[in-house]
Structure formats: C-alpha cells, structure tokens
Protein backbone atom coordinates (compact mmCIF):
# COMPACT_ATOMS: atom_id res chain seq x y z
CA MET A 1 128.45 71.71 68.78
CA PRO A 2 124.93 73.15 69.02
CA ALA A 3 124.55 76.91 68.71
CA GLY A 4 124.75 78.73 72.03
CA SER A 5 126.62 75.89 73.71
CA LEU A 6 130.07 75.84 75.29
CA THR A 7 130.14 72.25 76.50
CA GLY A 8 128.17 70.38 73.88
CA GLU A 9 124.93 70.71 75.89
CA PRO A 10 122.32 73.10 74.47
CA LEU A 11 121.35 76.05 76.66
CA LEU A 12 118.06 75.31 78.38
CA MET A 13 116.73 78.79 79.03
CA ASP A 14 116.72 82.15 77.35
CA LEU A 15 115.95 85.54 78.84
CA LYS A 16 112.49 85.65 77.27
CA GLN A 17 111.52 82.39 78.96
CA ILE A 18 112.89 83.58 82.29
CA GLU A 19 110.99 86.87 82.13
CA THR A 20 107.79 85.07 81.11
CA PHE A 21 108.05 82.65 84.03
CA VAL A 22 108.84 85.42 86.53
CA ARG A 23 105.85 87.52 85.42
CA VAL A 24 103.43 84.58 85.58
CA ALA A 25 104.67 83.67 89.07
CA GLU A 26 104.44 87.27 90.27
CA VAL A 27 101.02 88.03 88.78
CA GLY A 28 99.64 84.63 89.74
CA SER A 29 97.83 83.97 86.47
CA PHE A 30 98.63 83.26 82.84
CA SER A 31 96.03 85.68 81.51
CA GLY A 32 97.27 88.53 83.70
CA ALA A 33 100.89 87.94 82.72
CA ALA A 34 99.92 87.77 79.05
CA ARG A 35 98.27 91.18 79.29
CA LEU A 36 101.27 92.58 81.15
CA LEU A 37 103.76 91.28 78.57
CA GLY A 38 101.56 92.04 75.57
CA VAL A 39 101.59 88.49 74.20
CA ALA A 40 98.89 85.97 73.42
CA GLN A 41 98.11 83.62 76.31
CA PRO A 42 98.60 80.40 74.24
CA ALA A 43 102.11 81.58 73.27
CA LEU A 44 102.91 82.38 76.89
CA SER A 45 101.65 78.96 78.03
CA ARG A 46 103.84 77.24 75.42
CA GLN A 47 106.93 79.06 76.69
CA ILE A 48 106.25 77.95 80.26
CA ARG A 49 105.55 74.39 79.18
CA GLN A 50 108.75 74.28 77.10
CA LEU A 51 110.71 75.54 80.09
CA GLU A 52 109.23 72.85 82.33
CA VAL A 53 110.03 70.14 79.78
CA GLU A 54 113.61 71.35 79.35
CA LEU A 55 114.19 71.57 83.12
CA ARG A 56 112.25 68.36 83.78
CA GLN A 57 110.45 70.12 86.63
CA THR A 58 106.90 71.27 87.27
CA LEU A 59 107.34 74.98 87.95
CA LEU A 60 103.76 76.18 88.39
CA LEU A 61 100.67 74.66 89.96
CA ARG A 62 97.64 75.60 87.86
CA ASP A 63 94.08 75.68 89.15
CA GLY A 64 90.89 77.61 88.59
CA ARG A 65 92.14 80.51 90.69
CA GLY A 66 95.42 80.99 88.82
CA ALA A 67 98.98 79.70 89.12
CA LYS A 68 101.51 79.57 91.93
CA PRO A 69 105.12 78.35 92.01
CA THR A 70 106.04 74.86 93.14
CA GLU A 71 109.10 74.37 95.35
CA ALA A 72 111.24 74.16 92.21
CA GLY A 73 109.38 77.15 90.77
CA ALA A 74 110.08 79.24 93.87
CA LEU A 75 113.80 78.47 93.50
CA LEU A 76 113.76 79.45 89.82
CA LEU A 77 111.78 82.59 90.67
CA GLU A 78 114.50 83.73 93.06
CA HIS A 79 117.24 83.14 90.49
CA GLY A 80 115.13 84.57 87.67
CA ARG A 81 114.57 87.83 89.50
CA ALA A 82 118.31 88.08 90.18
CA ILE A 83 119.11 87.47 86.49
CA LEU A 84 116.64 90.10 85.31
CA HIS A 85 117.96 92.56 87.88
CA ARG A 86 121.55 92.04 86.77
CA LEU A 87 120.46 92.59 83.18
CA ALA A 88 118.78 95.84 84.20
CA CYS A 89 121.98 96.92 85.97
CA ALA A 90 124.03 96.21 82.83
CA ARG A 91 121.64 98.23 80.69
CA GLU A 92 121.77 101.08 83.22
CA GLU A 93 125.57 101.17 83.21
CA LEU A 94 125.66 101.20 79.42
CA ALA A 95 123.08 103.99 79.33
CA GLY A 96 125.04 105.87 81.99
CA ALA A 97 128.11 105.73 79.80
CA ARG A 98 126.13 107.85 77.34
CA GLY A 99 125.39 110.38 80.07
CA ARG A 100 121.73 109.56 80.80
CA LEU A 101 119.68 107.44 83.18
CA ALA A 102 116.76 105.69 81.54
CA GLY A 103 116.01 102.83 83.91
CA HIS A 104 113.14 102.08 86.29
CA ALA A 105 112.62 102.54 90.03
CA ALA A 106 109.80 101.03 92.10
CA ILE A 107 109.22 102.76 95.44
CA GLY A 108 107.00 101.64 98.32
CA LEU A 109 105.43 104.15 100.72
CA PRO A 110 103.32 103.71 103.87
CA PRO A 111 99.79 105.18 103.50
CA SER A 112 100.33 108.23 105.73
CA LEU A 113 103.42 109.26 103.75
CA ALA A 114 102.00 108.31 100.35
CA ARG A 115 99.43 111.10 100.60
CA LEU A 116 102.18 113.58 101.39
CA LEU A 117 105.02 112.43 99.12
CA THR A 118 103.54 110.90 95.96
CA VAL A 119 102.99 114.12 94.00
CA PRO A 120 106.24 115.95 94.93
CA LEU A 121 108.25 112.74 94.48
CA ALA A 122 106.75 112.08 91.04
CA ARG A 123 107.37 115.71 90.07
CA ALA A 124 111.01 115.61 91.19
CA PHE A 125 111.53 112.29 89.39
CA ARG A 126 110.12 113.69 86.15
CA GLU A 127 112.24 116.84 86.39
CA GLN A 128 115.56 115.18 87.30
CA LEU A 129 115.19 111.79 85.58
CA PRO A 130 113.06 112.57 82.52
CA GLU A 131 114.01 109.42 80.60
CA ALA A 132 113.49 107.04 83.53
CA THR A 133 110.23 105.45 84.67
CA LEU A 134 108.74 105.35 88.15
CA THR A 135 106.35 103.06 90.01
CA ILE A 136 104.98 104.06 93.44
CA GLY A 137 103.14 101.52 95.58
CA GLU A 138 101.40 101.90 98.93
CA GLY A 139 101.15 99.48 101.83
CA LEU A 140 101.90 98.68 105.44
CA SER A 141 105.57 98.34 106.39
CA SER A 142 105.32 94.54 106.62
CA ALA A 143 103.85 94.32 103.12
CA LEU A 144 106.43 96.74 101.72
CA ALA A 145 109.28 94.71 103.22
CA GLU A 146 107.89 91.57 101.58
CA GLY A 147 107.67 93.51 98.32
CA LEU A 148 111.40 94.28 98.62
CA ARG A 149 112.11 90.57 99.07
CA GLN A 150 110.00 89.64 96.06
CA GLY A 151 111.53 92.31 93.83
CA ARG A 152 108.31 94.31 93.45
CA PHE A 153 109.99 97.31 95.11
CA ASP A 154 113.56 98.57 94.84
CA LEU A 155 113.27 101.03 97.73
CA ALA A 156 110.72 101.52 100.50
CA LEU A 157 110.10 103.77 103.47
CA LEU A 158 109.32 101.62 106.50
CA TYR A 159 108.27 102.37 110.05
CA ASP A 160 110.25 100.59 112.77
CA PRO A 161 110.80 97.30 110.89
CA PRO A 162 112.21 94.27 112.73
CA PRO A 163 115.81 93.33 111.86
CA ALA A 164 116.14 91.00 108.88
CA PRO A 165 119.36 89.78 107.25
CA ASP A 166 118.02 90.26 103.71
CA ILE A 167 116.83 93.85 104.17
CA GLU A 168 119.29 96.76 104.38
CA LEU A 169 118.08 99.70 106.45
CA GLU A 170 119.10 103.35 106.59
CA ARG A 171 117.63 105.21 109.54
CA LEU A 172 116.34 108.65 108.56
CA PHE A 173 114.83 110.07 111.74
CA ALA A 174 112.64 109.33 114.76
CA GLU A 175 109.15 110.55 114.00
CA ALA A 176 107.10 112.08 116.82
CA LEU A 177 103.60 110.71 117.42
CA PHE A 178 100.75 112.75 118.87
CA LEU A 179 97.35 112.12 120.39
CA VAL A 180 94.70 113.33 117.95
CA SER A 181 91.38 114.26 119.57
CA ARG A 182 88.14 115.97 118.71
CA ASN A 183 88.53 119.71 119.21
CA ALA A 184 85.71 120.28 121.69
CA ASP A 185 86.92 123.28 123.69
CA ARG A 186 90.02 124.55 121.78
CA LYS A 187 91.89 125.01 125.06
CA PRO A 188 95.58 124.10 124.90
CA ARG A 189 96.48 120.88 126.66
CA ARG A 190 99.70 119.85 128.32
CA ALA A 191 101.61 116.76 127.28
CA LEU A 192 99.78 113.53 128.04
CA ALA A 193 101.48 110.88 130.16
CA LEU A 194 101.78 107.56 128.34
CA ALA A 195 100.10 105.81 131.26
CA ASP A 196 97.00 107.97 130.69
CA LEU A 197 96.81 106.84 127.06
CA ALA A 198 95.71 103.39 128.20
CA ARG A 199 92.35 104.63 129.48
CA LEU A 200 91.41 106.56 126.31
CA PRO A 201 89.27 104.85 123.63
CA LEU A 202 91.40 104.59 120.50
CA VAL A 203 90.47 104.46 116.84
CA ILE A 204 93.50 102.54 115.63
CA PRO A 205 94.69 100.39 112.71
CA SER A 206 94.75 96.61 113.01
CA ARG A 207 97.98 94.67 113.44
CA PRO A 208 100.67 94.65 112.08
CA ASN A 209 100.44 98.43 111.65
CA ALA A 210 103.68 99.97 112.98
CA VAL A 211 101.99 102.65 115.10
CA ARG A 212 99.66 100.07 116.64
CA LEU A 213 102.60 97.83 117.55
CA ARG A 214 104.55 100.76 118.93
CA ILE A 215 101.69 101.78 121.23
CA GLU A 216 101.24 98.23 122.46
CA ARG A 217 104.96 97.84 123.20
CA GLU A 218 105.25 101.13 125.09
CA LEU A 219 102.15 100.46 127.20
CA ALA A 220 103.24 96.88 127.86
CA ARG A 221 106.41 98.25 129.47
CA LEU A 222 104.12 100.00 131.96
CA GLY A 223 102.06 96.88 132.51
CA LEU A 224 99.16 98.36 130.53
CA LYS A 225 97.36 97.78 127.24
CA PRO A 226 95.42 100.12 124.95
CA THR A 227 91.65 100.50 124.97
CA ILE A 228 90.52 99.79 121.42
CA ALA A 229 87.26 101.46 120.39
CA LEU A 230 87.49 100.71 116.68
CA GLU A 231 90.03 99.07 114.36
CA ILE A 232 90.19 101.02 111.11
CA ASP A 233 92.82 100.63 108.38
CA GLY A 234 92.99 104.02 106.71
CA VAL A 235 94.21 107.41 107.95
CA SER A 236 91.37 109.44 106.44
CA ALA A 237 88.73 107.14 107.93
CA ILE A 238 90.43 107.25 111.33
CA LEU A 239 90.50 111.06 111.33
CA ALA A 240 86.85 111.26 110.24
CA LEU A 241 85.81 108.98 113.09
CA VAL A 242 87.83 110.97 115.63
CA ALA A 243 86.24 114.19 114.37
CA ASP A 244 82.84 112.53 114.85
CA GLY A 245 83.62 111.65 118.46
CA PHE A 246 84.27 107.90 118.22
CA GLY A 247 87.55 108.12 120.12
CA HIS A 248 91.15 109.29 119.84
CA ALA A 249 93.98 108.45 117.43
CA VAL A 250 97.77 108.33 117.66
CA LEU A 251 99.39 109.65 114.49
CA PRO A 252 102.26 111.85 113.26
CA ARG A 253 101.43 115.54 112.93
CA TYR A 254 101.50 115.51 109.12
CA ALA A 255 98.71 112.92 108.99
CA LEU A 256 96.29 115.84 109.37
CA SER A 257 97.71 117.54 106.27
CA GLY A 258 95.08 117.74 103.54
CA PHE A 259 92.30 116.48 105.82
CA ALA A 260 89.39 118.85 105.19
CA PRO A 261 87.88 118.87 108.72
CA ALA A 262 91.30 119.30 110.35
CA ARG A 263 90.02 122.29 112.35
CA GLN A 264 87.73 119.89 114.19
CA LEU A 265 90.80 118.12 115.55
CA ARG A 266 93.68 118.96 117.81
CA ILE A 267 96.95 117.26 118.64
CA GLN A 268 98.62 116.72 121.99
CA PRO A 269 102.21 115.56 122.62
CA PHE A 270 103.14 112.72 124.94
CA SER A 271 105.43 112.81 127.97
CA PRO A 272 107.87 111.24 127.55
CA ALA A 273 107.78 111.76 123.79
CA LEU A 274 106.41 108.85 121.79
CA THR A 275 108.37 108.29 118.59
CA HIS A 276 108.99 105.59 116.05
CA PRO A 277 111.85 105.42 113.51
CA LEU A 278 111.38 105.90 109.80
CA VAL A 279 113.92 104.02 107.68
CA LEU A 280 114.76 103.74 104.00
CA ALA A 281 114.99 100.07 103.08
CA MET A 282 116.40 98.09 100.15
CA HIS A 283 117.27 94.46 99.47
CA ALA A 284 120.65 93.59 101.00
CA GLN A 285 121.75 91.32 98.14
CA ARG A 286 120.41 93.36 95.23
CA GLN A 287 122.58 96.13 93.84
CA LEU A 288 120.79 99.39 93.09
CA THR A 289 120.93 100.55 89.49
CA GLY A 290 121.97 104.09 88.63
CA THR A 291 118.33 105.16 88.35
CA GLN A 292 117.48 103.57 91.69
CA GLN A 293 120.44 105.25 93.38
CA ALA A 294 119.26 108.61 92.02
CA ALA A 295 115.73 107.82 93.20
CA ARG A 296 117.06 107.08 96.67
CA GLY A 297 118.54 110.57 96.88
CA LEU A 298 115.28 112.10 95.62
CA ILE A 299 113.26 110.26 98.30
CA VAL A 300 115.36 111.74 101.09
CA GLU A 301 115.35 115.25 99.56
CA VAL A 302 111.59 115.26 98.96
CA LEU A 303 110.94 113.82 102.42
CA SER A 304 113.04 116.54 104.03
CA ARG A 305 111.24 119.31 102.13
CA ALA A 306 107.76 117.85 102.67
CA LEU A 307 108.05 117.30 106.40
CA GLY A 308 110.19 120.26 107.37
CA SER A 309 109.11 121.52 110.76
CA GLU A 310 106.43 118.82 111.02
CA LEU A 311 108.90 116.34 112.50
CA GLY A 312 108.28 117.20 116.13
CA THR A 313 111.18 115.71 118.07
CA GLY A 314 112.64 114.13 114.95
CA GLN A 315 115.06 115.68 112.52
CA ALA A 316 114.81 115.65 108.75
CA PRO A 317 117.68 114.00 106.87
CA SER A 318 119.68 116.48 104.84
CA ALA A 319 119.94 116.41 101.07
CA ARG A 320 123.73 116.34 101.47
CA ALA A 321 123.51 113.16 103.52
CA ALA A 322 121.30 111.65 100.84
CA ARG A 323 123.88 112.36 98.16
CA ARG A 324 126.69 110.97 100.33
CA GLY A 325 124.79 107.75 100.78
CA GLY A 326 124.25 108.03 104.53
CA PRO A 327 124.71 105.23 107.06
CA ARG A 328 123.42 101.83 105.99
CA ALA A 329 123.29 98.48 107.70
CA SER A 330 121.98 95.05 106.87
CA GLY A 331 119.26 93.80 109.17
CA ARG A 332 119.35 96.79 111.53
CA THR A 333 118.93 100.55 111.57
CA THR A 334 121.87 102.81 112.12
C-alpha cells in the first residue's frame, strides 16, 4: 500500500499544495503569490501544475493579466480555505492548551471608523495578545462582506448590511447621522426635517455606500430623492468640500474627529432622528479561532471607548456584553 494511503489509492493533495493554490487564486497572479509565500515562481508553478494533473482538472485560467479560478478551481478554493481554517483552529487550540494565543485575526473596518479605531485597536491587540498577529483592512460594507465570504477577513464592522445566509451579524447599536454644513454664522440650528434634506445640495459617496443608501431609502418613503452636488468617496475629501462651500454632507458625529478645519463645520440633527445600524459580522459557517474570539471582544471594547458620548441616539455596546458573546444571528441583525 502506498505511503499515506488508507485504501490503496495515493493521496492526491498535501497541505502545501492546497495553500499554494489558495494563495495564487486569492492574489490573482503567480508572481504575487510567490512573493507572498517566499518561494521561487517556477517551483510554485510546478506545484499548481502537479495538482491539476493529479485532479485531472484545470484549476486556473492564465493570461497576461494574471490567473483566475475556473469553475473547478472555485470549488477547490472554497474547500481549500475551509481546510486551512480548520488547521488554524487546531493550532490555536493546541497553543491555547499551553496558556497562550498566538494565532492571527484579520479585521475589516469601514473608512469612517478605520480612522478612529485602527490605532487604539492595534494597541489593545498588542497589549492583550502579544504573541498573535493582526491584519486590519479598510473598505465599504459591501466589499468587507465579500471579504468575509472569501476568507480575507475573520471579522468586520458593517453598516446596515442586507440579510445573507452565509454572514452572521451581531447588532451593536444604531448610529445617529447628522447634517454637516459649512459654519457660516455659528448660530445654533434646530433639528432639520428629513423632507427638507431633499432640497439641500449634498456632497455624498457613490453607491453602494451605506449612508448614501440609507438617505435614499428614507427620502423615498417620503416620495423624495436627494439632490446630489458631488459624488466623493472619502470622508476627508467630503469634509474639505463642505468646508469650502460645495454643499452639505450626512455623516456620524465622529467623522469630524481629527479633521483639521473642523471649526469651519457644524452639525445639525434630523427630526425624526436619522440612524443606521452598525453590526459586527463574521462568516456563518466558519468557526472563530481563540485569537479571533479574543479580537472580537477587543473590537467591541475599543469601539465603546472610542465613541463614548459621540453616539448621539445610539448606545455603545458594553465590554461585559462583548465578553459574554452578545446576541448573534445568521443572515439578520438582532
């Protein structure tokens, strides 16, 4: 019986081949994956070719722009990610038996929160999980959710995501949104009716930004639509344009934090209050490792400290709730 076989048939794949294939498929190029794995590109290409021969399937389509999975490759990619994740979980449990967490956590943050949370989250991670490693990525909620599906992120903060059976959501709080305007006269203003928002020129992100979609939905209920002056993807650029008189913005209060010309701006609440939910998301079929579970608690604790009284009508999640695990649901917020 050949080595490594239980039935007389030789094993077709080993973990090294699986990891190599997954990295090539994720990076989209052989050269990029070779740099990531620290191996020579010819050796990496041989591993992929050997895997294709053994499986009798073409797994990657190669062209001048890189490589992308075939239908069979996409199926193997899904299983390969699951295998590598289970291996990481096993390593974590073994390390945990020795009283330490030395795994990896990849966290996705929306741009407005990334500016606020990246430094305190990285600091807390280093202090409480000194032997673990951390990756923080930034993107729109739709891109972060896709990153969860693809295995690029283990956890992500998302704004008002649509229900999905493969994404598990934990609602943290409803975040208040405010009208941000140029501070021309410094006089206090009363709450703005949502119907009046429709006639103001807005400097706003392009779709599928969560705030943009929220505004459109709320105005559509009133039979109205927003007046778009400029579409700008970037909080700092939006605030700079508002300060220069190009229009108004709709953002959470903390978006002004760290913005140098903040004194040139003022915020105004809406009546009724305009909010959108912030949720902590993870893949519904992928078990969190010990490090990732600890990172989940740190996210909620750091978020609560960073936002504090800046939540408007929302309420910060407590650190105790984070440690308990909090309410979770697959495909919906709780």
